[in-house]
Amino acid sequence: MNKNNKFDLDERTAKFGEGIIQFAKTIPQSPITLPLITQLVKTGTSVGANYSEADCAESKKDFEHKIGICKKESKETKHWLRMISKAAPECRDEVKELWKETHEFNLIFSSIIIKSRQK
């Protein structure tokens, strides 16, 4: 990712969602992994969708609410990545990279919420 895009959350969250989709296609499918994959794709792609909504918020309260959803979705994505790591240990290296990005999102969204409430 180029340095300028690292600070463009709209682009960064979209790229993350794309990465989740690509990763989901590589996970071995079984009765255990199929529901995990579904949940991962839902939460992992939701981060960017909710950030886009926050970017167009109608009020400060609406903005904080949408960013709060981004934070919750990124945290839930970390959970599903952990479960996939356990269910499909051969995916651990890619899980680790995606987990780091969603962890950063969680920290970023927490900071945005704190700063927004201070204004």
PDB file of N, CA and C in Angstrom:
ATOM      1  N   MET A   1       0.862  -1.183   0.000  1.00  0.00           N
ATOM      2  CA  MET A   1       0.000   0.000   0.000  1.00  0.00           C
ATOM      3  C   MET A   1       0.896   1.230   0.000  1.00  0.00           C
ATOM      4  N   ASN A   2       0.571   2.165  -0.868  1.00  0.00           N
ATOM      5  CA  ASN A   2       1.418   3.362  -0.902  1.00  0.00           C
ATOM      6  C   ASN A   2       1.137   4.250   0.302  1.00  0.00           C
ATOM      7  N   LYS A   3       2.120   5.025   0.689  1.00  0.00           N
ATOM      8  CA  LYS A   3       2.059   5.794   1.931  1.00  0.00           C
ATOM      9  C   LYS A   3       0.854   6.734   1.993  1.00  0.00           C
ATOM     10  N   ASN A   4       0.506   7.389   0.881  1.00  0.00           N
ATOM     11  CA  ASN A   4      -0.643   8.298   0.886  1.00  0.00           C
ATOM     12  C   ASN A   4      -1.950   7.557   1.144  1.00  0.00           C
ATOM     13  N   ASN A   5      -2.085   6.342   0.606  1.00  0.00           N
ATOM     14  CA  ASN A   5      -3.305   5.563   0.820  1.00  0.00           C
ATOM     15  C   ASN A   5      -3.440   5.079   2.253  1.00  0.00           C
ATOM     16  N   LYS A   6      -2.329   4.991   2.974  1.00  0.00           N
ATOM     17  CA  LYS A   6      -2.386   4.542   4.367  1.00  0.00           C
ATOM     18  C   LYS A   6      -3.236   5.488   5.205  1.00  0.00           C
ATOM     19  N   PHE A   7      -3.304   6.760   4.793  1.00  0.00           N
ATOM     20  CA  PHE A   7      -4.079   7.733   5.551  1.00  0.00           C
ATOM     21  C   PHE A   7      -5.434   8.027   4.911  1.00  0.00           C
ATOM     22  N   ASP A   8      -5.720   7.403   3.771  1.00  0.00           N
ATOM     23  CA  ASP A   8      -7.013   7.537   3.107  1.00  0.00           C
ATOM     24  C   ASP A   8      -7.881   6.370   3.578  1.00  0.00           C
ATOM     25  N   LEU A   9      -8.639   6.595   4.634  1.00  0.00           N
ATOM     26  CA  LEU A   9      -9.404   5.496   5.230  1.00  0.00           C
ATOM     27  C   LEU A   9     -10.457   4.932   4.292  1.00  0.00           C
ATOM     28  N   ASP A  10     -11.023   5.755   3.437  1.00  0.00           N
ATOM     29  CA  ASP A  10     -12.008   5.256   2.484  1.00  0.00           C
ATOM     30  C   ASP A  10     -11.358   4.205   1.580  1.00  0.00           C
ATOM     31  N   GLU A  11     -10.203   4.539   1.038  1.00  0.00           N
ATOM     32  CA  GLU A  11      -9.479   3.602   0.167  1.00  0.00           C
ATOM     33  C   GLU A  11      -8.940   2.415   0.972  1.00  0.00           C
ATOM     34  N   ARG A  12      -8.416   2.692   2.133  1.00  0.00           N
ATOM     35  CA  ARG A  12      -7.808   1.638   2.949  1.00  0.00           C
ATOM     36  C   ARG A  12      -8.840   0.617   3.395  1.00  0.00           C
ATOM     37  N   THR A  13     -10.018   1.068   3.819  1.00  0.00           N
ATOM     38  CA  THR A  13     -11.052   0.123   4.243  1.00  0.00           C
ATOM     39  C   THR A  13     -11.605  -0.655   3.057  1.00  0.00           C
ATOM     40  N   ALA A  14     -11.674  -0.005   1.879  1.00  0.00           N
ATOM     41  CA  ALA A  14     -12.131  -0.705   0.669  1.00  0.00           C
ATOM     42  C   ALA A  14     -11.124  -1.797   0.285  1.00  0.00           C
ATOM     43  N   LYS A  15      -9.841  -1.458   0.314  1.00  0.00           N
ATOM     44  CA  LYS A  15      -8.797  -2.442  -0.006  1.00  0.00           C
ATOM     45  C   LYS A  15      -8.818  -3.604   0.994  1.00  0.00           C
ATOM     46  N   PHE A  16      -9.096  -3.272   2.252  1.00  0.00           N
ATOM     47  CA  PHE A  16      -9.182  -4.315   3.267  1.00  0.00           C
ATOM     48  C   PHE A  16     -10.326  -5.275   2.942  1.00  0.00           C
ATOM     49  N   GLY A  17     -11.492  -4.728   2.594  1.00  0.00           N
ATOM     50  CA  GLY A  17     -12.630  -5.567   2.215  1.00  0.00           C
ATOM     51  C   GLY A  17     -12.302  -6.455   1.026  1.00  0.00           C
ATOM     52  N   GLU A  18     -11.614  -5.878   0.039  1.00  0.00           N
ATOM     53  CA  GLU A  18     -11.191  -6.670  -1.119  1.00  0.00           C
ATOM     54  C   GLU A  18     -10.241  -7.788  -0.698  1.00  0.00           C
ATOM     55  N   GLY A  19      -9.344  -7.466   0.229  1.00  0.00           N
ATOM     56  CA  GLY A  19      -8.413  -8.478   0.743  1.00  0.00           C
ATOM     57  C   GLY A  19      -9.135  -9.596   1.472  1.00  0.00           C
ATOM     58  N   ILE A  20     -10.166  -9.239   2.221  1.00  0.00           N
ATOM     59  CA  ILE A  20     -10.970 -10.247   2.928  1.00  0.00           C
ATOM     60  C   ILE A  20     -11.642 -11.177   1.919  1.00  0.00           C
ATOM     61  N   ILE A  21     -12.200 -10.596   0.860  1.00  0.00           N
ATOM     62  CA  ILE A  21     -12.861 -11.408  -0.175  1.00  0.00           C
ATOM     63  C   ILE A  21     -11.860 -12.360  -0.815  1.00  0.00           C
ATOM     64  N   GLN A  22     -10.703 -11.830  -1.196  1.00  0.00           N
ATOM     65  CA  GLN A  22      -9.669 -12.675  -1.816  1.00  0.00           C
ATOM     66  C   GLN A  22      -9.239 -13.794  -0.868  1.00  0.00           C
ATOM     67  N   PHE A  23      -9.032 -13.443   0.404  1.00  0.00           N
ATOM     68  CA  PHE A  23      -8.623 -14.440   1.392  1.00  0.00           C
ATOM     69  C   PHE A  23      -9.698 -15.507   1.570  1.00  0.00           C
ATOM     70  N   ALA A  24     -10.955 -15.082   1.642  1.00  0.00           N
ATOM     71  CA  ALA A  24     -12.059 -16.023   1.850  1.00  0.00           C
ATOM     72  C   ALA A  24     -12.107 -17.088   0.753  1.00  0.00           C
ATOM     73  N   LYS A  25     -11.725 -16.694  -0.456  1.00  0.00           N
ATOM     74  CA  LYS A  25     -11.726 -17.640  -1.574  1.00  0.00           C
ATOM     75  C   LYS A  25     -10.672 -18.729  -1.419  1.00  0.00           C
ATOM     76  N   THR A  26      -9.662 -18.480  -0.586  1.00  0.00           N
ATOM     77  CA  THR A  26      -8.563 -19.439  -0.435  1.00  0.00           C
ATOM     78  C   THR A  26      -8.738 -20.371   0.766  1.00  0.00           C
ATOM     79  N   ILE A  27      -9.691 -20.084   1.617  1.00  0.00           N
ATOM     80  CA  ILE A  27      -9.877 -20.898   2.822  1.00  0.00           C
ATOM     81  C   ILE A  27     -10.492 -22.240   2.434  1.00  0.00           C
ATOM     82  N   PRO A  28      -9.900 -23.341   2.874  1.00  0.00           N
ATOM     83  CA  PRO A  28     -10.487 -24.651   2.580  1.00  0.00           C
ATOM     84  C   PRO A  28     -11.911 -24.720   3.148  1.00  0.00           C
ATOM     85  N   GLN A  29     -12.837 -25.189   2.318  1.00  0.00           N
ATOM     86  CA  GLN A  29     -14.232 -25.227   2.748  1.00  0.00           C
ATOM     87  C   GLN A  29     -14.574 -26.556   3.412  1.00  0.00           C
ATOM     88  N   SER A  30     -15.238 -26.426   4.553  1.00  0.00           N
ATOM     89  CA  SER A  30     -15.699 -27.590   5.314  1.00  0.00           C
ATOM     90  C   SER A  30     -16.933 -27.148   6.096  1.00  0.00           C
ATOM     91  N   PRO A  31     -17.627 -28.081   6.723  1.00  0.00           N
ATOM     92  CA  PRO A  31     -18.788 -27.671   7.531  1.00  0.00           C
ATOM     93  C   PRO A  31     -18.416 -26.687   8.654  1.00  0.00           C
ATOM     94  N   ILE A  32     -17.179 -26.713   9.088  1.00  0.00           N
ATOM     95  CA  ILE A  32     -16.735 -25.801  10.145  1.00  0.00           C
ATOM     96  C   ILE A  32     -16.370 -24.440   9.563  1.00  0.00           C
ATOM     97  N   THR A  33     -15.644 -24.420   8.461  1.00  0.00           N
ATOM     98  CA  THR A  33     -15.161 -23.135   7.934  1.00  0.00           C
ATOM     99  C   THR A  33     -16.221 -22.347   7.176  1.00  0.00           C
ATOM    100  N   LEU A  34     -17.202 -23.010   6.561  1.00  0.00           N
ATOM    101  CA  LEU A  34     -18.188 -22.271   5.763  1.00  0.00           C
ATOM    102  C   LEU A  34     -18.906 -21.168   6.546  1.00  0.00           C
ATOM    103  N   PRO A  35     -19.440 -21.453   7.743  1.00  0.00           N
ATOM    104  CA  PRO A  35     -20.085 -20.342   8.474  1.00  0.00           C
ATOM    105  C   PRO A  35     -19.089 -19.274   8.932  1.00  0.00           C
ATOM    106  N   LEU A  36     -17.864 -19.666   9.207  1.00  0.00           N
ATOM    107  CA  LEU A  36     -16.840 -18.694   9.600  1.00  0.00           C
ATOM    108  C   LEU A  36     -16.500 -17.775   8.439  1.00  0.00           C
ATOM    109  N   ILE A  37     -16.386 -18.344   7.248  1.00  0.00           N
ATOM    110  CA  ILE A  37     -16.099 -17.558   6.049  1.00  0.00           C
ATOM    111  C   ILE A  37     -17.213 -16.542   5.810  1.00  0.00           C
ATOM    112  N   THR A  38     -18.455 -16.998   5.925  1.00  0.00           N
ATOM    113  CA  THR A  38     -19.605 -16.107   5.726  1.00  0.00           C
ATOM    114  C   THR A  38     -19.551 -14.928   6.689  1.00  0.00           C
ATOM    115  N   GLN A  39     -19.313 -15.213   7.950  1.00  0.00           N
ATOM    116  CA  GLN A  39     -19.251 -14.146   8.955  1.00  0.00           C
ATOM    117  C   GLN A  39     -18.082 -13.205   8.693  1.00  0.00           C
ATOM    118  N   LEU A  40     -16.944 -13.769   8.324  1.00  0.00           N
ATOM    119  CA  LEU A  40     -15.760 -12.954   8.045  1.00  0.00           C
ATOM    120  C   LEU A  40     -16.022 -11.987   6.895  1.00  0.00           C
ATOM    121  N   VAL A  41     -16.621 -12.484   5.825  1.00  0.00           N
ATOM    122  CA  VAL A  41     -16.895 -11.627   4.670  1.00  0.00           C
ATOM    123  C   VAL A  41     -17.896 -10.535   5.048  1.00  0.00           C
ATOM    124  N   LYS A  42     -18.906 -10.880   5.823  1.00  0.00           N
ATOM    125  CA  LYS A  42     -19.896  -9.874   6.245  1.00  0.00           C
ATOM    126  C   LYS A  42     -19.245  -8.760   7.064  1.00  0.00           C
ATOM    127  N   THR A  43     -18.476  -9.131   8.064  1.00  0.00           N
ATOM    128  CA  THR A  43     -17.897  -8.100   8.939  1.00  0.00           C
ATOM    129  C   THR A  43     -16.730  -7.379   8.289  1.00  0.00           C
ATOM    130  N   GLY A  44     -15.904  -8.125   7.561  1.00  0.00           N
ATOM    131  CA  GLY A  44     -14.720  -7.527   6.942  1.00  0.00           C
ATOM    132  C   GLY A  44     -15.052  -6.514   5.863  1.00  0.00           C
ATOM    133  N   THR A  45     -16.131  -6.753   5.119  1.00  0.00           N
ATOM    134  CA  THR A  45     -16.529  -5.799   4.083  1.00  0.00           C
ATOM    135  C   THR A  45     -17.401  -4.688   4.652  1.00  0.00           C
ATOM    136  N   SER A  46     -17.989  -4.930   5.799  1.00  0.00           N
ATOM    137  CA  SER A  46     -18.841  -3.933   6.450  1.00  0.00           C
ATOM    138  C   SER A  46     -18.046  -2.743   6.980  1.00  0.00           C
ATOM    139  N   VAL A  47     -16.789  -2.960   7.315  1.00  0.00           N
ATOM    140  CA  VAL A  47     -15.960  -1.873   7.849  1.00  0.00           C
ATOM    141  C   VAL A  47     -15.934  -0.709   6.853  1.00  0.00           C
ATOM    142  N   GLY A  48     -15.627  -0.998   5.609  1.00  0.00           N
ATOM    143  CA  GLY A  48     -15.553   0.035   4.577  1.00  0.00           C
ATOM    144  C   GLY A  48     -16.904   0.641   4.257  1.00  0.00           C
ATOM    145  N   ALA A  49     -17.937  -0.183   4.215  1.00  0.00           N
ATOM    146  CA  ALA A  49     -19.281   0.318   3.926  1.00  0.00           C
ATOM    147  C   ALA A  49     -19.722   1.305   5.000  1.00  0.00           C
ATOM    148  N   ASN A  50     -19.474   0.975   6.246  1.00  0.00           N
ATOM    149  CA  ASN A  50     -19.872   1.871   7.331  1.00  0.00           C
ATOM    150  C   ASN A  50     -18.996   3.114   7.398  1.00  0.00           C
ATOM    151  N   TYR A  51     -17.724   2.966   7.015  1.00  0.00           N
ATOM    152  CA  TYR A  51     -16.885   4.160   6.979  1.00  0.00           C
ATOM    153  C   TYR A  51     -17.384   5.121   5.902  1.00  0.00           C
ATOM    154  N   SER A  52     -17.793   4.589   4.762  1.00  0.00           N
ATOM    155  CA  SER A  52     -18.356   5.429   3.696  1.00  0.00           C
ATOM    156  C   SER A  52     -19.594   6.167   4.196  1.00  0.00           C
ATOM    157  N   GLU A  53     -20.428   5.475   4.960  1.00  0.00           N
ATOM    158  CA  GLU A  53     -21.612   6.121   5.532  1.00  0.00           C
ATOM    159  C   GLU A  53     -21.214   7.195   6.537  1.00  0.00           C
ATOM    160  N   ALA A  54     -20.217   6.931   7.345  1.00  0.00           N
ATOM    161  CA  ALA A  54     -19.760   7.914   8.338  1.00  0.00           C
ATOM    162  C   ALA A  54     -19.225   9.153   7.636  1.00  0.00           C
ATOM    163  N   ASP A  55     -18.544   8.937   6.528  1.00  0.00           N
ATOM    164  CA  ASP A  55     -17.969  10.045   5.771  1.00  0.00           C
ATOM    165  C   ASP A  55     -19.053  10.991   5.237  1.00  0.00           C
ATOM    166  N   CYS A  56     -20.254  10.470   5.095  1.00  0.00           N
ATOM    167  CA  CYS A  56     -21.390  11.276   4.596  1.00  0.00           C
ATOM    168  C   CYS A  56     -22.445  11.474   5.688  1.00  0.00           C
ATOM    169  N   ALA A  57     -22.024  11.433   6.929  1.00  0.00           N
ATOM    170  CA  ALA A  57     -22.963  11.535   8.047  1.00  0.00           C
ATOM    171  C   ALA A  57     -23.747  12.842   8.010  1.00  0.00           C
ATOM    172  N   GLU A  58     -24.966  12.777   8.511  1.00  0.00           N
ATOM    173  CA  GLU A  58     -25.859  13.937   8.520  1.00  0.00           C
ATOM    174  C   GLU A  58     -25.671  14.824   9.742  1.00  0.00           C
ATOM    175  N   SER A  59     -24.995  14.290  10.757  1.00  0.00           N
ATOM    176  CA  SER A  59     -24.762  15.059  11.974  1.00  0.00           C
ATOM    177  C   SER A  59     -23.571  14.460  12.715  1.00  0.00           C
ATOM    178  N   LYS A  60     -23.110  15.187  13.723  1.00  0.00           N
ATOM    179  CA  LYS A  60     -22.000  14.690  14.542  1.00  0.00           C
ATOM    180  C   LYS A  60     -22.393  13.381  15.234  1.00  0.00           C
ATOM    181  N   LYS A  61     -23.626  13.329  15.726  1.00  0.00           N
ATOM    182  CA  LYS A  61     -24.115  12.126  16.397  1.00  0.00           C
ATOM    183  C   LYS A  61     -24.165  10.936  15.426  1.00  0.00           C
ATOM    184  N   ASP A  62     -24.627  11.201  14.204  1.00  0.00           N
ATOM    185  CA  ASP A  62     -24.684  10.162  13.176  1.00  0.00           C
ATOM    186  C   ASP A  62     -23.265   9.688  12.837  1.00  0.00           C
ATOM    187  N   PHE A  63     -22.325  10.624  12.709  1.00  0.00           N
ATOM    188  CA  PHE A  63     -20.931  10.306  12.425  1.00  0.00           C
ATOM    189  C   PHE A  63     -20.364   9.395  13.518  1.00  0.00           C
ATOM    190  N   GLU A  64     -20.541   9.786  14.765  1.00  0.00           N
ATOM    191  CA  GLU A  64     -20.009   8.994  15.878  1.00  0.00           C
ATOM    192  C   GLU A  64     -20.628   7.593  15.903  1.00  0.00           C
ATOM    193  N   HIS A  65     -21.918   7.530  15.598  1.00  0.00           N
ATOM    194  CA  HIS A  65     -22.602   6.238  15.571  1.00  0.00           C
ATOM    195  C   HIS A  65     -22.008   5.329  14.486  1.00  0.00           C
ATOM    196  N   LYS A  66     -21.824   5.873  13.303  1.00  0.00           N
ATOM    197  CA  LYS A  66     -21.294   5.075  12.183  1.00  0.00           C
ATOM    198  C   LYS A  66     -19.839   4.662  12.437  1.00  0.00           C
ATOM    199  N   ILE A  67     -19.051   5.553  12.989  1.00  0.00           N
ATOM    200  CA  ILE A  67     -17.664   5.199  13.327  1.00  0.00           C
ATOM    201  C   ILE A  67     -17.666   4.124  14.414  1.00  0.00           C
ATOM    202  N   GLY A  68     -18.611   4.203  15.343  1.00  0.00           N
ATOM    203  CA  GLY A  68     -18.749   3.165  16.373  1.00  0.00           C
ATOM    204  C   GLY A  68     -19.046   1.808  15.751  1.00  0.00           C
ATOM    205  N   ILE A  69     -19.863   1.800  14.702  1.00  0.00           N
ATOM    206  CA  ILE A  69     -20.146   0.547  13.995  1.00  0.00           C
ATOM    207  C   ILE A  69     -18.877   0.048  13.308  1.00  0.00           C
ATOM    208  N   CYS A  70     -18.119   0.947  12.709  1.00  0.00           N
ATOM    209  CA  CYS A  70     -16.835   0.553  12.097  1.00  0.00           C
ATOM    210  C   CYS A  70     -15.947  -0.131  13.128  1.00  0.00           C
ATOM    211  N   LYS A  71     -15.878   0.451  14.300  1.00  0.00           N
ATOM    212  CA  LYS A  71     -15.049  -0.112  15.368  1.00  0.00           C
ATOM    213  C   LYS A  71     -15.546  -1.506  15.761  1.00  0.00           C
ATOM    214  N   LYS A  72     -16.858  -1.643  15.921  1.00  0.00           N
ATOM    215  CA  LYS A  72     -17.418  -2.942  16.300  1.00  0.00           C
ATOM    216  C   LYS A  72     -17.193  -3.990  15.214  1.00  0.00           C
ATOM    217  N   GLU A  73     -17.379  -3.600  13.964  1.00  0.00           N
ATOM    218  CA  GLU A  73     -17.188  -4.540  12.859  1.00  0.00           C
ATOM    219  C   GLU A  73     -15.723  -4.952  12.731  1.00  0.00           C
ATOM    220  N   SER A  74     -14.809  -4.017  12.940  1.00  0.00           N
ATOM    221  CA  SER A  74     -13.391  -4.380  12.854  1.00  0.00           C
ATOM    222  C   SER A  74     -13.011  -5.312  14.003  1.00  0.00           C
ATOM    223  N   LYS A  75     -13.582  -5.071  15.165  1.00  0.00           N
ATOM    224  CA  LYS A  75     -13.296  -5.950  16.306  1.00  0.00           C
ATOM    225  C   LYS A  75     -13.878  -7.347  16.068  1.00  0.00           C
ATOM    226  N   GLU A  76     -15.083  -7.394  15.504  1.00  0.00           N
ATOM    227  CA  GLU A  76     -15.689  -8.689  15.208  1.00  0.00           C
ATOM    228  C   GLU A  76     -14.889  -9.424  14.124  1.00  0.00           C
ATOM    229  N   THR A  77     -14.370  -8.683  13.161  1.00  0.00           N
ATOM    230  CA  THR A  77     -13.549  -9.295  12.114  1.00  0.00           C
ATOM    231  C   THR A  77     -12.325  -9.967  12.730  1.00  0.00           C
ATOM    232  N   LYS A  78     -11.720  -9.326  13.735  1.00  0.00           N
ATOM    233  CA  LYS A  78     -10.583  -9.935  14.436  1.00  0.00           C
ATOM    234  C   LYS A  78     -10.989 -11.282  15.031  1.00  0.00           C
ATOM    235  N   HIS A  79     -12.180 -11.334  15.586  1.00  0.00           N
ATOM    236  CA  HIS A  79     -12.682 -12.580  16.184  1.00  0.00           C
ATOM    237  C   HIS A  79     -12.789 -13.685  15.128  1.00  0.00           C
ATOM    238  N   TRP A  80     -13.419 -13.370  13.987  1.00  0.00           N
ATOM    239  CA  TRP A  80     -13.600 -14.387  12.946  1.00  0.00           C
ATOM    240  C   TRP A  80     -12.263 -14.823  12.368  1.00  0.00           C
ATOM    241  N   LEU A  81     -11.329 -13.905  12.244  1.00  0.00           N
ATOM    242  CA  LEU A  81      -9.995 -14.284  11.772  1.00  0.00           C
ATOM    243  C   LEU A  81      -9.339 -15.265  12.747  1.00  0.00           C
ATOM    244  N   ARG A  82      -9.516 -15.014  14.016  1.00  0.00           N
ATOM    245  CA  ARG A  82      -8.958 -15.927  15.028  1.00  0.00           C
ATOM    246  C   ARG A  82      -9.578 -17.317  14.904  1.00  0.00           C
ATOM    247  N   MET A  83     -10.894 -17.365  14.706  1.00  0.00           N
ATOM    248  CA  MET A  83     -11.579 -18.652  14.579  1.00  0.00           C
ATOM    249  C   MET A  83     -11.123 -19.391  13.317  1.00  0.00           C
ATOM    250  N   ILE A  84     -10.942 -18.656  12.227  1.00  0.00           N
ATOM    251  CA  ILE A  84     -10.473 -19.278  10.984  1.00  0.00           C
ATOM    252  C   ILE A  84      -9.044 -19.794  11.160  1.00  0.00           C
ATOM    253  N   SER A  85      -8.232 -19.052  11.876  1.00  0.00           N
ATOM    254  CA  SER A  85      -6.872 -19.494  12.147  1.00  0.00           C
ATOM    255  C   SER A  85      -6.870 -20.835  12.872  1.00  0.00           C
ATOM    256  N   LYS A  86      -7.813 -21.013  13.756  1.00  0.00           N
ATOM    257  CA  LYS A  86      -7.916 -22.265  14.503  1.00  0.00           C
ATOM    258  C   LYS A  86      -8.492 -23.385  13.630  1.00  0.00           C
ATOM    259  N   ALA A  87      -9.507 -23.045  12.819  1.00  0.00           N
ATOM    260  CA  ALA A  87     -10.181 -24.048  11.984  1.00  0.00           C
ATOM    261  C   ALA A  87      -9.342 -24.450  10.770  1.00  0.00           C
ATOM    262  N   ALA A  88      -8.521 -23.534  10.283  1.00  0.00           N
ATOM    263  CA  ALA A  88      -7.695 -23.794   9.097  1.00  0.00           C
ATOM    264  C   ALA A  88      -6.276 -23.286   9.358  1.00  0.00           C
ATOM    265  N   PRO A  89      -5.521 -24.009  10.164  1.00  0.00           N
ATOM    266  CA  PRO A  89      -4.183 -23.552  10.568  1.00  0.00           C
ATOM    267  C   PRO A  89      -3.254 -23.211   9.401  1.00  0.00           C
ATOM    268  N   GLU A  90      -3.500 -23.793   8.240  1.00  0.00           N
ATOM    269  CA  GLU A  90      -2.651 -23.510   7.082  1.00  0.00           C
ATOM    270  C   GLU A  90      -2.826 -22.070   6.575  1.00  0.00           C
ATOM    271  N   CYS A  91      -3.825 -21.375   7.080  1.00  0.00           N
ATOM    272  CA  CYS A  91      -4.094 -19.982   6.675  1.00  0.00           C
ATOM    273  C   CYS A  91      -3.514 -18.959   7.648  1.00  0.00           C
ATOM    274  N   ARG A  92      -2.798 -19.417   8.648  1.00  0.00           N
ATOM    275  CA  ARG A  92      -2.350 -18.515   9.721  1.00  0.00           C
ATOM    276  C   ARG A  92      -1.535 -17.317   9.262  1.00  0.00           C
ATOM    277  N   ASP A  93      -0.672 -17.497   8.288  1.00  0.00           N
ATOM    278  CA  ASP A  93       0.166 -16.368   7.847  1.00  0.00           C
ATOM    279  C   ASP A  93      -0.682 -15.242   7.274  1.00  0.00           C
ATOM    280  N   GLU A  94      -1.633 -15.587   6.426  1.00  0.00           N
ATOM    281  CA  GLU A  94      -2.497 -14.551   5.858  1.00  0.00           C
ATOM    282  C   GLU A  94      -3.425 -13.973   6.920  1.00  0.00           C
ATOM    283  N   VAL A  95      -3.907 -14.810   7.829  1.00  0.00           N
ATOM    284  CA  VAL A  95      -4.745 -14.325   8.931  1.00  0.00           C
ATOM    285  C   VAL A  95      -3.991 -13.274   9.732  1.00  0.00           C
ATOM    286  N   LYS A  96      -2.723 -13.541   9.990  1.00  0.00           N
ATOM    287  CA  LYS A  96      -1.911 -12.631  10.799  1.00  0.00           C
ATOM    288  C   LYS A  96      -1.854 -11.232  10.173  1.00  0.00           C
ATOM    289  N   GLU A  97      -1.662 -11.160   8.860  1.00  0.00           N
ATOM    290  CA  GLU A  97      -1.599  -9.872   8.166  1.00  0.00           C
ATOM    291  C   GLU A  97      -2.939  -9.141   8.213  1.00  0.00           C
ATOM    292  N   LEU A  98      -4.022  -9.852   7.944  1.00  0.00           N
ATOM    293  CA  LEU A  98      -5.352  -9.238   7.977  1.00  0.00           C
ATOM    294  C   LEU A  98      -5.715  -8.820   9.401  1.00  0.00           C
ATOM    295  N   TRP A  99      -5.328  -9.647  10.383  1.00  0.00           N
ATOM    296  CA  TRP A  99      -5.616  -9.334  11.780  1.00  0.00           C
ATOM    297  C   TRP A  99      -4.918  -8.029  12.188  1.00  0.00           C
ATOM    298  N   LYS A 100      -3.662  -7.854  11.748  1.00  0.00           N
ATOM    299  CA  LYS A 100      -2.928  -6.625  12.084  1.00  0.00           C
ATOM    300  C   LYS A 100      -3.651  -5.399  11.511  1.00  0.00           C
ATOM    301  N   GLU A 101      -4.138  -5.504  10.279  1.00  0.00           N
ATOM    302  CA  GLU A 101      -4.827  -4.367   9.667  1.00  0.00           C
ATOM    303  C   GLU A 101      -6.136  -4.053  10.400  1.00  0.00           C
ATOM    304  N   THR A 102      -6.893  -5.069  10.741  1.00  0.00           N
ATOM    305  CA  THR A 102      -8.152  -4.799  11.432  1.00  0.00           C
ATOM    306  C   THR A 102      -7.904  -4.306  12.853  1.00  0.00           C
ATOM    307  N   HIS A 103      -6.806  -4.736  13.454  1.00  0.00           N
ATOM    308  CA  HIS A 103      -6.436  -4.209  14.772  1.00  0.00           C
ATOM    309  C   HIS A 103      -6.106  -2.716  14.666  1.00  0.00           C
ATOM    310  N   GLU A 104      -5.374  -2.347  13.613  1.00  0.00           N
ATOM    311  CA  GLU A 104      -5.087  -0.923  13.393  1.00  0.00           C
ATOM    312  C   GLU A 104      -6.379  -0.130  13.184  1.00  0.00           C
ATOM    313  N   PHE A 105      -7.308  -0.697  12.418  1.00  0.00           N
ATOM    314  CA  PHE A 105      -8.595  -0.021  12.225  1.00  0.00           C
ATOM    315  C   PHE A 105      -9.279   0.209  13.567  1.00  0.00           C
ATOM    316  N   ASN A 106      -9.246  -0.793  14.422  1.00  0.00           N
ATOM    317  CA  ASN A 106      -9.889  -0.660  15.727  1.00  0.00           C
ATOM    318  C   ASN A 106      -9.275   0.484  16.511  1.00  0.00           C
ATOM    319  N   LEU A 107      -7.963   0.595  16.484  1.00  0.00           N
ATOM    320  CA  LEU A 107      -7.284   1.696  17.177  1.00  0.00           C
ATOM    321  C   LEU A 107      -7.624   3.049  16.546  1.00  0.00           C
ATOM    322  N   ILE A 108      -7.641   3.103  15.220  1.00  0.00           N
ATOM    323  CA  ILE A 108      -7.965   4.342  14.506  1.00  0.00           C
ATOM    324  C   ILE A 108      -9.388   4.793  14.822  1.00  0.00           C
ATOM    325  N   PHE A 109     -10.339   3.863  14.740  1.00  0.00           N
ATOM    326  CA  PHE A 109     -11.738   4.241  14.989  1.00  0.00           C
ATOM    327  C   PHE A 109     -11.952   4.638  16.450  1.00  0.00           C
ATOM    328  N   SER A 110     -11.245   3.996  17.361  1.00  0.00           N
ATOM    329  CA  SER A 110     -11.331   4.402  18.774  1.00  0.00           C
ATOM    330  C   SER A 110     -10.832   5.826  18.944  1.00  0.00           C
ATOM    331  N   SER A 111      -9.722   6.142  18.292  1.00  0.00           N
ATOM    332  CA  SER A 111      -9.161   7.491  18.368  1.00  0.00           C
ATOM    333  C   SER A 111     -10.107   8.526  17.756  1.00  0.00           C
ATOM    334  N   ILE A 112     -10.702   8.185  16.621  1.00  0.00           N
ATOM    335  CA  ILE A 112     -11.651   9.106  15.980  1.00  0.00           C
ATOM    336  C   ILE A 112     -12.823   9.402  16.906  1.00  0.00           C
ATOM    337  N   ILE A 113     -13.332   8.376  17.553  1.00  0.00           N
ATOM    338  CA  ILE A 113     -14.470   8.564  18.473  1.00  0.00           C
ATOM    339  C   ILE A 113     -14.068   9.475  19.621  1.00  0.00           C
ATOM    340  N   ILE A 114     -12.919   9.226  20.213  1.00  0.00           N
ATOM    341  CA  ILE A 114     -12.446  10.044  21.346  1.00  0.00           C
ATOM    342  C   ILE A 114     -12.285  11.496  20.917  1.00  0.00           C
ATOM    343  N   LYS A 115     -11.640  11.712  19.776  1.00  0.00           N
ATOM    344  CA  LYS A 115     -11.417  13.082  19.295  1.00  0.00           C
ATOM    345  C   LYS A 115     -12.724  13.781  18.935  1.00  0.00           C
ATOM    346  N   SER A 116     -13.648  13.046  18.379  1.00  0.00           N
ATOM    347  CA  SER A 116     -14.936  13.627  17.995  1.00  0.00           C
ATOM    348  C   SER A 116     -15.710  14.086  19.223  1.00  0.00           C
ATOM    349  N   ARG A 117     -15.605  13.337  20.302  1.00  0.00           N
ATOM    350  CA  ARG A 117     -16.334  13.683  21.521  1.00  0.00           C
ATOM    351  C   ARG A 117     -15.688  14.866  22.269  1.00  0.00           C
ATOM    352  N   GLN A 118     -14.428  15.140  21.960  1.00  0.00           N
ATOM    353  CA  GLN A 118     -13.735  16.253  22.615  1.00  0.00           C
ATOM    354  C   GLN A 118     -14.062  17.602  21.984  1.00  0.00           C
ATOM    355  N   LYS A 119     -14.647  17.560  20.790  1.00  0.00           N
ATOM    356  CA  LYS A 119     -14.932  18.806  20.082  1.00  0.00           C
ATOM    357  C   LYS A 119     -16.200  19.451  20.576  1.00  0.00           C
TER     358      LYS A 119
END
